[in-house]
Amino acid sequence: SKHVTAVAEAVDGALRRAHVRPATVEGAALGHWVLLDYGDVVV
């Protein structure tokens, strides 16, 4: 769960540095399945 959360945070951080923000992030609190929605790309 910690690794899942760390991966999701790394993705979010990399895209924020590129000035891209997710429309929504779901599941980060549990770390079993994190969904990051960037519109045309869903992670």
ModelCIF file with pLDDT and N, C-alpha, C, O atoms, coordinates in Angstrom:
data_MODEL
#
_entry.id   MODEL 
#
_entity.id                         1 
_entity.type                       polymer 
_entity.pdbx_number_of_molecules   1 
#
_entity_poly.entity_id                      1 
_entity_poly.type                           'polypeptide(L)' 
_entity_poly.nstd_linkage                   no 
_entity_poly.nstd_monomer                   no 
_entity_poly.pdbx_seq_one_letter_code       SKHVTAVAEAVDGALRRAHVRPATVEGAALGHWVLLDYGDVVV 
_entity_poly.pdbx_seq_one_letter_code_can   SKHVTAVAEAVDGALRRAHVRPATVEGAALGHWVLLDYGDVVV 
_entity_poly.pdbx_strand_id                 A 
#
loop_
_entity_poly_seq.entity_id 
_entity_poly_seq.num 
_entity_poly_seq.mon_id 
_entity_poly_seq.hetero 
1 1  SER n 
1 2  LYS n 
1 3  HIS n 
1 4  VAL n 
1 5  THR n 
1 6  ALA n 
1 7  VAL n 
1 8  ALA n 
1 9  GLU n 
1 10 ALA n 
1 11 VAL n 
1 12 ASP n 
1 13 GLY n 
1 14 ALA n 
1 15 LEU n 
1 16 ARG n 
1 17 ARG n 
1 18 ALA n 
1 19 HIS n 
1 20 VAL n 
1 21 ARG n 
1 22 PRO n 
1 23 ALA n 
1 24 THR n 
1 25 VAL n 
1 26 GLU n 
1 27 GLY n 
1 28 ALA n 
1 29 ALA n 
1 30 LEU n 
1 31 GLY n 
1 32 HIS n 
1 33 TRP n 
1 34 VAL n 
1 35 LEU n 
1 36 LEU n 
1 37 ASP n 
1 38 TYR n 
1 39 GLY n 
1 40 ASP n 
1 41 VAL n 
1 42 VAL n 
1 43 VAL n 
#
_struct_asym.id          A 
_struct_asym.entity_id   1 
#
loop_
_ma_qa_metric.id 
_ma_qa_metric.mode 
_ma_qa_metric.name 
_ma_qa_metric.software_group_id 
_ma_qa_metric.type 
1 global pLDDT . pLDDT 
2 local  pLDDT . pLDDT 
#
_ma_qa_metric_global.metric_id      1 
_ma_qa_metric_global.metric_value   96.70 
_ma_qa_metric_global.model_id       1 
_ma_qa_metric_global.ordinal_id     1 
#
loop_
_ma_qa_metric_local.label_asym_id 
_ma_qa_metric_local.label_comp_id 
_ma_qa_metric_local.label_seq_id 
_ma_qa_metric_local.metric_id 
_ma_qa_metric_local.metric_value 
_ma_qa_metric_local.model_id 
_ma_qa_metric_local.ordinal_id 
A SER 1  2 97.00 1 1  
A LYS 2  2 97.00 1 2  
A HIS 3  2 97.00 1 3  
A VAL 4  2 98.00 1 4  
A THR 5  2 97.00 1 5  
A ALA 6  2 97.00 1 6  
A VAL 7  2 98.00 1 7  
A ALA 8  2 98.00 1 8  
A GLU 9  2 97.00 1 9  
A ALA 10 2 98.00 1 10 
A VAL 11 2 98.00 1 11 
A ASP 12 2 98.00 1 12 
A GLY 13 2 97.00 1 13 
A ALA 14 2 97.00 1 14 
A LEU 15 2 98.00 1 15 
A ARG 16 2 97.00 1 16 
A ARG 17 2 96.00 1 17 
A ALA 18 2 95.00 1 18 
A HIS 19 2 97.00 1 19 
A VAL 20 2 97.00 1 20 
A ARG 21 2 97.00 1 21 
A PRO 22 2 97.00 1 22 
A ALA 23 2 97.00 1 23 
A THR 24 2 96.00 1 24 
A VAL 25 2 97.00 1 25 
A GLU 26 2 97.00 1 26 
A GLY 27 2 96.00 1 27 
A ALA 28 2 92.00 1 28 
A ALA 29 2 91.00 1 29 
A LEU 30 2 92.00 1 30 
A GLY 31 2 92.00 1 31 
A HIS 32 2 97.00 1 32 
A TRP 33 2 97.00 1 33 
A VAL 34 2 98.00 1 34 
A LEU 35 2 98.00 1 35 
A LEU 36 2 98.00 1 36 
A ASP 37 2 98.00 1 37 
A TYR 38 2 98.00 1 38 
A GLY 39 2 96.00 1 39 
A ASP 40 2 96.00 1 40 
A VAL 41 2 98.00 1 41 
A VAL 42 2 98.00 1 42 
A VAL 43 2 98.00 1 43 
#
loop_
_atom_site.group_PDB 
_atom_site.id 
_atom_site.type_symbol 
_atom_site.label_atom_id 
_atom_site.label_alt_id 
_atom_site.label_comp_id 
_atom_site.label_asym_id 
_atom_site.label_entity_id 
_atom_site.label_seq_id 
_atom_site.pdbx_PDB_ins_code 
_atom_site.Cartn_x 
_atom_site.Cartn_y 
_atom_site.Cartn_z 
_atom_site.occupancy 
_atom_site.B_iso_or_equiv 
_atom_site.pdbx_formal_charge 
_atom_site.auth_seq_id 
_atom_site.auth_comp_id 
_atom_site.auth_asym_id 
_atom_site.auth_atom_id 
_atom_site.pdbx_PDB_model_num 
ATOM 1   N N  . SER A 1 1  ? 0.832   -1.214 0.000   1.00 97.00 ? 1  SER A N  1 
ATOM 2   C CA . SER A 1 1  ? 0.000   0.000  0.000   1.00 97.00 ? 1  SER A CA 1 
ATOM 3   C C  . SER A 1 1  ? 0.859   1.253  0.000   1.00 97.00 ? 1  SER A C  1 
ATOM 4   O O  . SER A 1 1  ? 0.552   2.221  -0.697  1.00 97.00 ? 1  SER A O  1 
ATOM 5   N N  . LYS A 1 2  ? 1.930   1.239  0.776   1.00 97.00 ? 2  LYS A N  1 
ATOM 6   C CA . LYS A 1 2  ? 2.834   2.397  0.809   1.00 97.00 ? 2  LYS A CA 1 
ATOM 7   C C  . LYS A 1 2  ? 3.483   2.620  -0.553  1.00 97.00 ? 2  LYS A C  1 
ATOM 8   O O  . LYS A 1 2  ? 3.639   3.758  -0.994  1.00 97.00 ? 2  LYS A O  1 
ATOM 9   N N  . HIS A 1 3  ? 3.859   1.532  -1.213  1.00 97.00 ? 3  HIS A N  1 
ATOM 10  C CA . HIS A 1 3  ? 4.478   1.654  -2.531  1.00 97.00 ? 3  HIS A CA 1 
ATOM 11  C C  . HIS A 1 3  ? 3.481   2.198  -3.548  1.00 97.00 ? 3  HIS A C  1 
ATOM 12  O O  . HIS A 1 3  ? 3.833   3.055  -4.359  1.00 97.00 ? 3  HIS A O  1 
ATOM 13  N N  . VAL A 1 4  ? 2.248   1.714  -3.516  1.00 98.00 ? 4  VAL A N  1 
ATOM 14  C CA . VAL A 1 4  ? 1.204   2.216  -4.420  1.00 98.00 ? 4  VAL A CA 1 
ATOM 15  C C  . VAL A 1 4  ? 1.030   3.724  -4.218  1.00 98.00 ? 4  VAL A C  1 
ATOM 16  O O  . VAL A 1 4  ? 0.976   4.484  -5.184  1.00 98.00 ? 4  VAL A O  1 
ATOM 17  N N  . THR A 1 5  ? 0.944   4.146  -2.960  1.00 97.00 ? 5  THR A N  1 
ATOM 18  C CA . THR A 1 5  ? 0.786   5.563  -2.660  1.00 97.00 ? 5  THR A CA 1 
ATOM 19  C C  . THR A 1 5  ? 2.001   6.356  -3.136  1.00 97.00 ? 5  THR A C  1 
ATOM 20  O O  . THR A 1 5  ? 1.851   7.446  -3.688  1.00 97.00 ? 5  THR A O  1 
ATOM 21  N N  . ALA A 1 6  ? 3.196   5.821  -2.926  1.00 97.00 ? 6  ALA A N  1 
ATOM 22  C CA . ALA A 1 6  ? 4.422   6.509  -3.348  1.00 97.00 ? 6  ALA A CA 1 
ATOM 23  C C  . ALA A 1 6  ? 4.478   6.650  -4.869  1.00 97.00 ? 6  ALA A C  1 
ATOM 24  O O  . ALA A 1 6  ? 4.887   7.694  -5.376  1.00 97.00 ? 6  ALA A O  1 
ATOM 25  N N  . VAL A 1 7  ? 4.074   5.617  -5.595  1.00 98.00 ? 7  VAL A N  1 
ATOM 26  C CA . VAL A 1 7  ? 4.060   5.686  -7.057  1.00 98.00 ? 7  VAL A CA 1 
ATOM 27  C C  . VAL A 1 7  ? 3.067   6.753  -7.520  1.00 98.00 ? 7  VAL A C  1 
ATOM 28  O O  . VAL A 1 7  ? 3.384   7.570  -8.385  1.00 98.00 ? 7  VAL A O  1 
ATOM 29  N N  . ALA A 1 8  ? 1.868   6.740  -6.942  1.00 98.00 ? 8  ALA A N  1 
ATOM 30  C CA . ALA A 1 8  ? 0.852   7.733  -7.315  1.00 98.00 ? 8  ALA A CA 1 
ATOM 31  C C  . ALA A 1 8  ? 1.347   9.153  -7.022  1.00 98.00 ? 8  ALA A C  1 
ATOM 32  O O  . ALA A 1 8  ? 1.145   10.062 -7.826  1.00 98.00 ? 8  ALA A O  1 
ATOM 33  N N  . GLU A 1 9  ? 1.991   9.336  -5.877  1.00 97.00 ? 9  GLU A N  1 
ATOM 34  C CA . GLU A 1 9  ? 2.526   10.658 -5.533  1.00 97.00 ? 9  GLU A CA 1 
ATOM 35  C C  . GLU A 1 9  ? 3.646   11.069 -6.488  1.00 97.00 ? 9  GLU A C  1 
ATOM 36  O O  . GLU A 1 9  ? 3.757   12.241 -6.848  1.00 97.00 ? 9  GLU A O  1 
ATOM 37  N N  . ALA A 1 10 ? 4.472   10.112 -6.897  1.00 98.00 ? 10 ALA A N  1 
ATOM 38  C CA . ALA A 1 10 ? 5.550   10.421 -7.838  1.00 98.00 ? 10 ALA A CA 1 
ATOM 39  C C  . ALA A 1 10 ? 4.997   10.842 -9.196  1.00 98.00 ? 10 ALA A C  1 
ATOM 40  O O  . ALA A 1 10 ? 5.501   11.778 -9.817  1.00 98.00 ? 10 ALA A O  1 
ATOM 41  N N  . VAL A 1 11 ? 3.967   10.149 -9.650  1.00 98.00 ? 11 VAL A N  1 
ATOM 42  C CA . VAL A 1 11 ? 3.315   10.514 -10.918 1.00 98.00 ? 11 VAL A CA 1 
ATOM 43  C C  . VAL A 1 11 ? 2.727   11.909 -10.806 1.00 98.00 ? 11 VAL A C  1 
ATOM 44  O O  . VAL A 1 11 ? 2.951   12.755 -11.671 1.00 98.00 ? 11 VAL A O  1 
ATOM 45  N N  . ASP A 1 12 ? 1.976   12.146 -9.743  1.00 98.00 ? 12 ASP A N  1 
ATOM 46  C CA . ASP A 1 12 ? 1.355   13.451 -9.548  1.00 98.00 ? 12 ASP A CA 1 
ATOM 47  C C  . ASP A 1 12 ? 2.414   14.554 -9.476  1.00 98.00 ? 12 ASP A C  1 
ATOM 48  O O  . ASP A 1 12 ? 2.252   15.615 -10.079 1.00 98.00 ? 12 ASP A O  1 
ATOM 49  N N  . GLY A 1 13 ? 3.478   14.303 -8.751  1.00 97.00 ? 13 GLY A N  1 
ATOM 50  C CA . GLY A 1 13 ? 4.543   15.301 -8.631  1.00 97.00 ? 13 GLY A CA 1 
ATOM 51  C C  . GLY A 1 13 ? 5.213   15.605 -9.954  1.00 97.00 ? 13 GLY A C  1 
ATOM 52  O O  . GLY A 1 13 ? 5.464   16.767 -10.273 1.00 97.00 ? 13 GLY A O  1 
ATOM 53  N N  . ALA A 1 14 ? 5.505   14.573 -10.725 1.00 97.00 ? 14 ALA A N  1 
ATOM 54  C CA . ALA A 1 14 ? 6.145   14.779 -12.032 1.00 97.00 ? 14 ALA A CA 1 
ATOM 55  C C  . ALA A 1 14 ? 5.256   15.593 -12.957 1.00 97.00 ? 14 ALA A C  1 
ATOM 56  O O  . ALA A 1 14 ? 5.739   16.474 -13.669 1.00 97.00 ? 14 ALA A O  1 
ATOM 57  N N  . LEU A 1 15 ? 3.968   15.308 -12.952 1.00 98.00 ? 15 LEU A N  1 
ATOM 58  C CA . LEU A 1 15 ? 3.067   16.041 -13.838 1.00 98.00 ? 15 LEU A CA 1 
ATOM 59  C C  . LEU A 1 15 ? 2.820   17.460 -13.335 1.00 98.00 ? 15 LEU A C  1 
ATOM 60  O O  . LEU A 1 15 ? 2.679   18.382 -14.139 1.00 98.00 ? 15 LEU A O  1 
ATOM 61  N N  . ARG A 1 16 ? 2.766   17.645 -12.033 1.00 97.00 ? 16 ARG A N  1 
ATOM 62  C CA . ARG A 1 16 ? 2.609   19.006 -11.504 1.00 97.00 ? 16 ARG A CA 1 
ATOM 63  C C  . ARG A 1 16 ? 3.805   19.873 -11.885 1.00 97.00 ? 16 ARG A C  1 
ATOM 64  O O  . ARG A 1 16 ? 3.644   21.055 -12.186 1.00 97.00 ? 16 ARG A O  1 
ATOM 65  N N  . ARG A 1 17 ? 5.004   19.291 -11.872 1.00 96.00 ? 17 ARG A N  1 
ATOM 66  C CA . ARG A 1 17 ? 6.192   20.046 -12.301 1.00 96.00 ? 17 ARG A CA 1 
ATOM 67  C C  . ARG A 1 17 ? 6.087   20.439 -13.766 1.00 96.00 ? 17 ARG A C  1 
ATOM 68  O O  . ARG A 1 17 ? 6.689   21.424 -14.194 1.00 96.00 ? 17 ARG A O  1 
ATOM 69  N N  . ALA A 1 18 ? 5.320   19.665 -14.538 1.00 95.00 ? 18 ALA A N  1 
ATOM 70  C CA . ALA A 1 18 ? 5.069   19.990 -15.951 1.00 95.00 ? 18 ALA A CA 1 
ATOM 71  C C  . ALA A 1 18 ? 3.791   20.825 -16.098 1.00 95.00 ? 18 ALA A C  1 
ATOM 72  O O  . ALA A 1 18 ? 3.299   21.020 -17.210 1.00 95.00 ? 18 ALA A O  1 
ATOM 73  N N  . HIS A 1 19 ? 3.257   21.317 -14.975 1.00 97.00 ? 19 HIS A N  1 
ATOM 74  C CA . HIS A 1 19 ? 2.055   22.167 -14.946 1.00 97.00 ? 19 HIS A CA 1 
ATOM 75  C C  . HIS A 1 19 ? 0.798   21.432 -15.411 1.00 97.00 ? 19 HIS A C  1 
ATOM 76  O O  . HIS A 1 19 ? -0.086  22.023 -16.031 1.00 97.00 ? 19 HIS A O  1 
ATOM 77  N N  . VAL A 1 20 ? 0.731   20.131 -15.103 1.00 97.00 ? 20 VAL A N  1 
ATOM 78  C CA . VAL A 1 20 ? -0.448  19.319 -15.412 1.00 97.00 ? 20 VAL A CA 1 
ATOM 79  C C  . VAL A 1 20 ? -1.012  18.819 -14.085 1.00 97.00 ? 20 VAL A C  1 
ATOM 80  O O  . VAL A 1 20 ? -0.309  18.181 -13.302 1.00 97.00 ? 20 VAL A O  1 
ATOM 81  N N  . ARG A 1 21 ? -2.276  19.114 -13.843 1.00 97.00 ? 21 ARG A N  1 
ATOM 82  C CA . ARG A 1 21 ? -2.916  18.737 -12.589 1.00 97.00 ? 21 ARG A CA 1 
ATOM 83  C C  . ARG A 1 21 ? -4.064  17.765 -12.863 1.00 97.00 ? 21 ARG A C  1 
ATOM 84  O O  . ARG A 1 21 ? -4.748  17.875 -13.881 1.00 97.00 ? 21 ARG A O  1 
ATOM 85  N N  . PRO A 1 22 ? -4.270  16.816 -11.952 1.00 97.00 ? 22 PRO A N  1 
ATOM 86  C CA . PRO A 1 22 ? -5.373  15.871 -12.159 1.00 97.00 ? 22 PRO A CA 1 
ATOM 87  C C  . PRO A 1 22 ? -6.722  16.518 -11.899 1.00 97.00 ? 22 PRO A C  1 
ATOM 88  O O  . PRO A 1 22 ? -6.852  17.392 -11.043 1.00 97.00 ? 22 PRO A O  1 
ATOM 89  N N  . ALA A 1 23 ? -7.725  16.077 -12.650 1.00 97.00 ? 23 ALA A N  1 
ATOM 90  C CA . ALA A 1 23 ? -9.099  16.509 -12.392 1.00 97.00 ? 23 ALA A CA 1 
ATOM 91  C C  . ALA A 1 23 ? -9.567  15.909 -11.079 1.00 97.00 ? 23 ALA A C  1 
ATOM 92  O O  . ALA A 1 23 ? -10.303 16.541 -10.321 1.00 97.00 ? 23 ALA A O  1 
ATOM 93  N N  . THR A 1 24 ? -9.130  14.675 -10.814 1.00 96.00 ? 24 THR A N  1 
ATOM 94  C CA . THR A 1 24 ? -9.497  13.993 -9.573  1.00 96.00 ? 24 THR A CA 1 
ATOM 95  C C  . THR A 1 24 ? -8.467  12.922 -9.242  1.00 96.00 ? 24 THR A C  1 
ATOM 96  O O  . THR A 1 24 ? -7.784  12.393 -10.119 1.00 96.00 ? 24 THR A O  1 
ATOM 97  N N  . VAL A 1 25 ? -8.377  12.622 -7.966  1.00 97.00 ? 25 VAL A N  1 
ATOM 98  C CA . VAL A 1 25 ? -7.557  11.527 -7.459  1.00 97.00 ? 25 VAL A CA 1 
ATOM 99  C C  . VAL A 1 25 ? -8.451  10.733 -6.513  1.00 97.00 ? 25 VAL A C  1 
ATOM 100 O O  . VAL A 1 25 ? -9.066  11.301 -5.611  1.00 97.00 ? 25 VAL A O  1 
ATOM 101 N N  . GLU A 1 26 ? -8.522  9.440  -6.717  1.00 97.00 ? 26 GLU A N  1 
ATOM 102 C CA . GLU A 1 26 ? -9.359  8.569  -5.883  1.00 97.00 ? 26 GLU A CA 1 
ATOM 103 C C  . GLU A 1 26 ? -8.520  7.435  -5.312  1.00 97.00 ? 26 GLU A C  1 
ATOM 104 O O  . GLU A 1 26 ? -7.624  6.920  -5.981  1.00 97.00 ? 26 GLU A O  1 
ATOM 105 N N  . GLY A 1 27 ? -8.809  7.050  -4.082  1.00 96.00 ? 27 GLY A N  1 
ATOM 106 C CA . GLY A 1 27 ? -8.209  5.864  -3.492  1.00 96.00 ? 27 GLY A CA 1 
ATOM 107 C C  . GLY A 1 27 ? -6.865  6.054  -2.820  1.00 96.00 ? 27 GLY A C  1 
ATOM 108 O O  . GLY A 1 27 ? -6.278  5.080  -2.351  1.00 96.00 ? 27 GLY A O  1 
ATOM 109 N N  . ALA A 1 28 ? -6.363  7.266  -2.757  1.00 92.00 ? 28 ALA A N  1 
ATOM 110 C CA . ALA A 1 28 ? -5.028  7.492  -2.203  1.00 92.00 ? 28 ALA A CA 1 
ATOM 111 C C  . ALA A 1 28 ? -4.955  7.156  -0.710  1.00 92.00 ? 28 ALA A C  1 
ATOM 112 O O  . ALA A 1 28 ? -3.901  6.745  -0.225  1.00 92.00 ? 28 ALA A O  1 
ATOM 113 N N  . ALA A 1 29 ? -6.042  7.322  0.010   1.00 91.00 ? 29 ALA A N  1 
ATOM 114 C CA . ALA A 1 29 ? -6.027  7.085  1.456   1.00 91.00 ? 29 ALA A CA 1 
ATOM 115 C C  . ALA A 1 29 ? -5.753  5.625  1.801   1.00 91.00 ? 29 ALA A C  1 
ATOM 116 O O  . ALA A 1 29 ? -5.059  5.342  2.777   1.00 91.00 ? 29 ALA A O  1 
ATOM 117 N N  . LEU A 1 30 ? -6.288  4.699  1.012   1.00 92.00 ? 30 LEU A N  1 
ATOM 118 C CA . LEU A 1 30 ? -6.103  3.271  1.294   1.00 92.00 ? 30 LEU A CA 1 
ATOM 119 C C  . LEU A 1 30 ? -4.868  2.685  0.630   1.00 92.00 ? 30 LEU A C  1 
ATOM 120 O O  . LEU A 1 30 ? -4.220  1.801  1.190   1.00 92.00 ? 30 LEU A O  1 
ATOM 121 N N  . GLY A 1 31 ? -4.540  3.172  -0.556  1.00 92.00 ? 31 GLY A N  1 
ATOM 122 C CA . GLY A 1 31 ? -3.355  2.687  -1.242  1.00 92.00 ? 31 GLY A CA 1 
ATOM 123 C C  . GLY A 1 31 ? -3.488  1.311  -1.866  1.00 92.00 ? 31 GLY A C  1 
ATOM 124 O O  . GLY A 1 31 ? -2.480  0.653  -2.125  1.00 92.00 ? 31 GLY A O  1 
ATOM 125 N N  . HIS A 1 32 ? -4.707  0.864  -2.113  1.00 97.00 ? 32 HIS A N  1 
ATOM 126 C CA . HIS A 1 32 ? -4.900  -0.420 -2.797  1.00 97.00 ? 32 HIS A CA 1 
ATOM 127 C C  . HIS A 1 32 ? -5.050  -0.219 -4.298  1.00 97.00 ? 32 HIS A C  1 
ATOM 128 O O  . HIS A 1 32 ? -4.588  -1.030 -5.100  1.00 97.00 ? 32 HIS A O  1 
ATOM 129 N N  . TRP A 1 33 ? -5.704  0.878  -4.657  1.00 97.00 ? 33 TRP A N  1 
ATOM 130 C CA . TRP A 1 33 ? -5.951  1.207  -6.062  1.00 97.00 ? 33 TRP A CA 1 
ATOM 131 C C  . TRP A 1 33 ? -6.118  2.714  -6.130  1.00 97.00 ? 33 TRP A C  1 
ATOM 132 O O  . TRP A 1 33 ? -7.133  3.244  -5.678  1.00 97.00 ? 33 TRP A O  1 
ATOM 133 N N  . VAL A 1 34 ? -5.151  3.402  -6.679  1.00 98.00 ? 34 VAL A N  1 
ATOM 134 C CA . VAL A 1 34 ? -5.228  4.857  -6.799  1.00 98.00 ? 34 VAL A CA 1 
ATOM 135 C C  . VAL A 1 34 ? -5.496  5.189  -8.258  1.00 98.00 ? 34 VAL A C  1 
ATOM 136 O O  . VAL A 1 34 ? -4.810  4.705  -9.158  1.00 98.00 ? 34 VAL A O  1 
ATOM 137 N N  . LEU A 1 35 ? -6.496  6.017  -8.474  1.00 98.00 ? 35 LEU A N  1 
ATOM 138 C CA . LEU A 1 35 ? -6.848  6.474  -9.812  1.00 98.00 ? 35 LEU A CA 1 
ATOM 139 C C  . LEU A 1 35 ? -6.550  7.967  -9.892  1.00 98.00 ? 35 LEU A C  1 
ATOM 140 O O  . LEU A 1 35 ? -7.000  8.745  -9.051  1.00 98.00 ? 35 LEU A O  1 
ATOM 141 N N  . LEU A 1 36 ? -5.784  8.361  -10.918 1.00 98.00 ? 36 LEU A N  1 
ATOM 142 C CA . LEU A 1 36 ? -5.510  9.768  -11.190 1.00 98.00 ? 36 LEU A CA 1 
ATOM 143 C C  . LEU A 1 36 ? -6.074  10.063 -12.567 1.00 98.00 ? 36 LEU A C  1 
ATOM 144 O O  . LEU A 1 36 ? -5.707  9.420  -13.550 1.00 98.00 ? 36 LEU A O  1 
ATOM 145 N N  . ASP A 1 37 ? -6.963  11.034 -12.633 1.00 98.00 ? 37 ASP A N  1 
ATOM 146 C CA . ASP A 1 37 ? -7.638  11.358 -13.895 1.00 98.00 ? 37 ASP A CA 1 
ATOM 147 C C  . ASP A 1 37 ? -7.087  12.665 -14.447 1.00 98.00 ? 37 ASP A C  1 
ATOM 148 O O  . ASP A 1 37 ? -7.295  13.738 -13.882 1.00 98.00 ? 37 ASP A O  1 
ATOM 149 N N  . TYR A 1 38 ? -6.378  12.546 -15.565 1.00 98.00 ? 38 TYR A N  1 
ATOM 150 C CA . TYR A 1 38 ? -5.813  13.711 -16.241 1.00 98.00 ? 38 TYR A CA 1 
ATOM 151 C C  . TYR A 1 38 ? -6.576  14.026 -17.525 1.00 98.00 ? 38 TYR A C  1 
ATOM 152 O O  . TYR A 1 38 ? -6.007  14.586 -18.462 1.00 98.00 ? 38 TYR A O  1 
ATOM 153 N N  . GLY A 1 39 ? -7.839  13.677 -17.574 1.00 96.00 ? 39 GLY A N  1 
ATOM 154 C CA . GLY A 1 39 ? -8.655  13.950 -18.749 1.00 96.00 ? 39 GLY A CA 1 
ATOM 155 C C  . GLY A 1 39 ? -8.440  12.910 -19.833 1.00 96.00 ? 39 GLY A C  1 
ATOM 156 O O  . GLY A 1 39 ? -9.088  11.863 -19.824 1.00 96.00 ? 39 GLY A O  1 
ATOM 157 N N  . ASP A 1 40 ? -7.545  13.183 -20.759 1.00 96.00 ? 40 ASP A N  1 
ATOM 158 C CA . ASP A 1 40 ? -7.277  12.242 -21.851 1.00 96.00 ? 40 ASP A CA 1 
ATOM 159 C C  . ASP A 1 40 ? -6.480  11.024 -21.395 1.00 96.00 ? 40 ASP A C  1 
ATOM 160 O O  . ASP A 1 40 ? -6.437  10.010 -22.092 1.00 96.00 ? 40 ASP A O  1 
ATOM 161 N N  . VAL A 1 41 ? -5.858  11.121 -20.239 1.00 98.00 ? 41 VAL A N  1 
ATOM 162 C CA . VAL A 1 41 ? -5.058  10.015 -19.697 1.00 98.00 ? 41 VAL A CA 1 
ATOM 163 C C  . VAL A 1 41 ? -5.546  9.706  -18.286 1.00 98.00 ? 41 VAL A C  1 
ATOM 164 O O  . VAL A 1 41 ? -5.595  10.587 -17.427 1.00 98.00 ? 41 VAL A O  1 
ATOM 165 N N  . VAL A 1 42 ? -5.906  8.447  -18.057 1.00 98.00 ? 42 VAL A N  1 
ATOM 166 C CA . VAL A 1 42 ? -6.325  7.989  -16.740 1.00 98.00 ? 42 VAL A CA 1 
ATOM 167 C C  . VAL A 1 42 ? -5.295  6.988  -16.255 1.00 98.00 ? 42 VAL A C  1 
ATOM 168 O O  . VAL A 1 42 ? -4.931  6.052  -16.966 1.00 98.00 ? 42 VAL A O  1 
ATOM 169 N N  . VAL A 1 43 ? -4.832  7.201  -15.032 1.00 98.00 ? 43 VAL A N  1 
ATOM 170 C CA . VAL A 1 43 ? -3.763  6.386  -14.445 1.00 98.00 ? 43 VAL A CA 1 
ATOM 171 C C  . VAL A 1 43 ? -4.349  5.516  -13.338 1.00 98.00 ? 43 VAL A C  1 
ATOM 172 O O  . VAL A 1 43 ? -3.623  4.749  -12.706 1.00 98.00 ? 43 VAL A O  1 
#
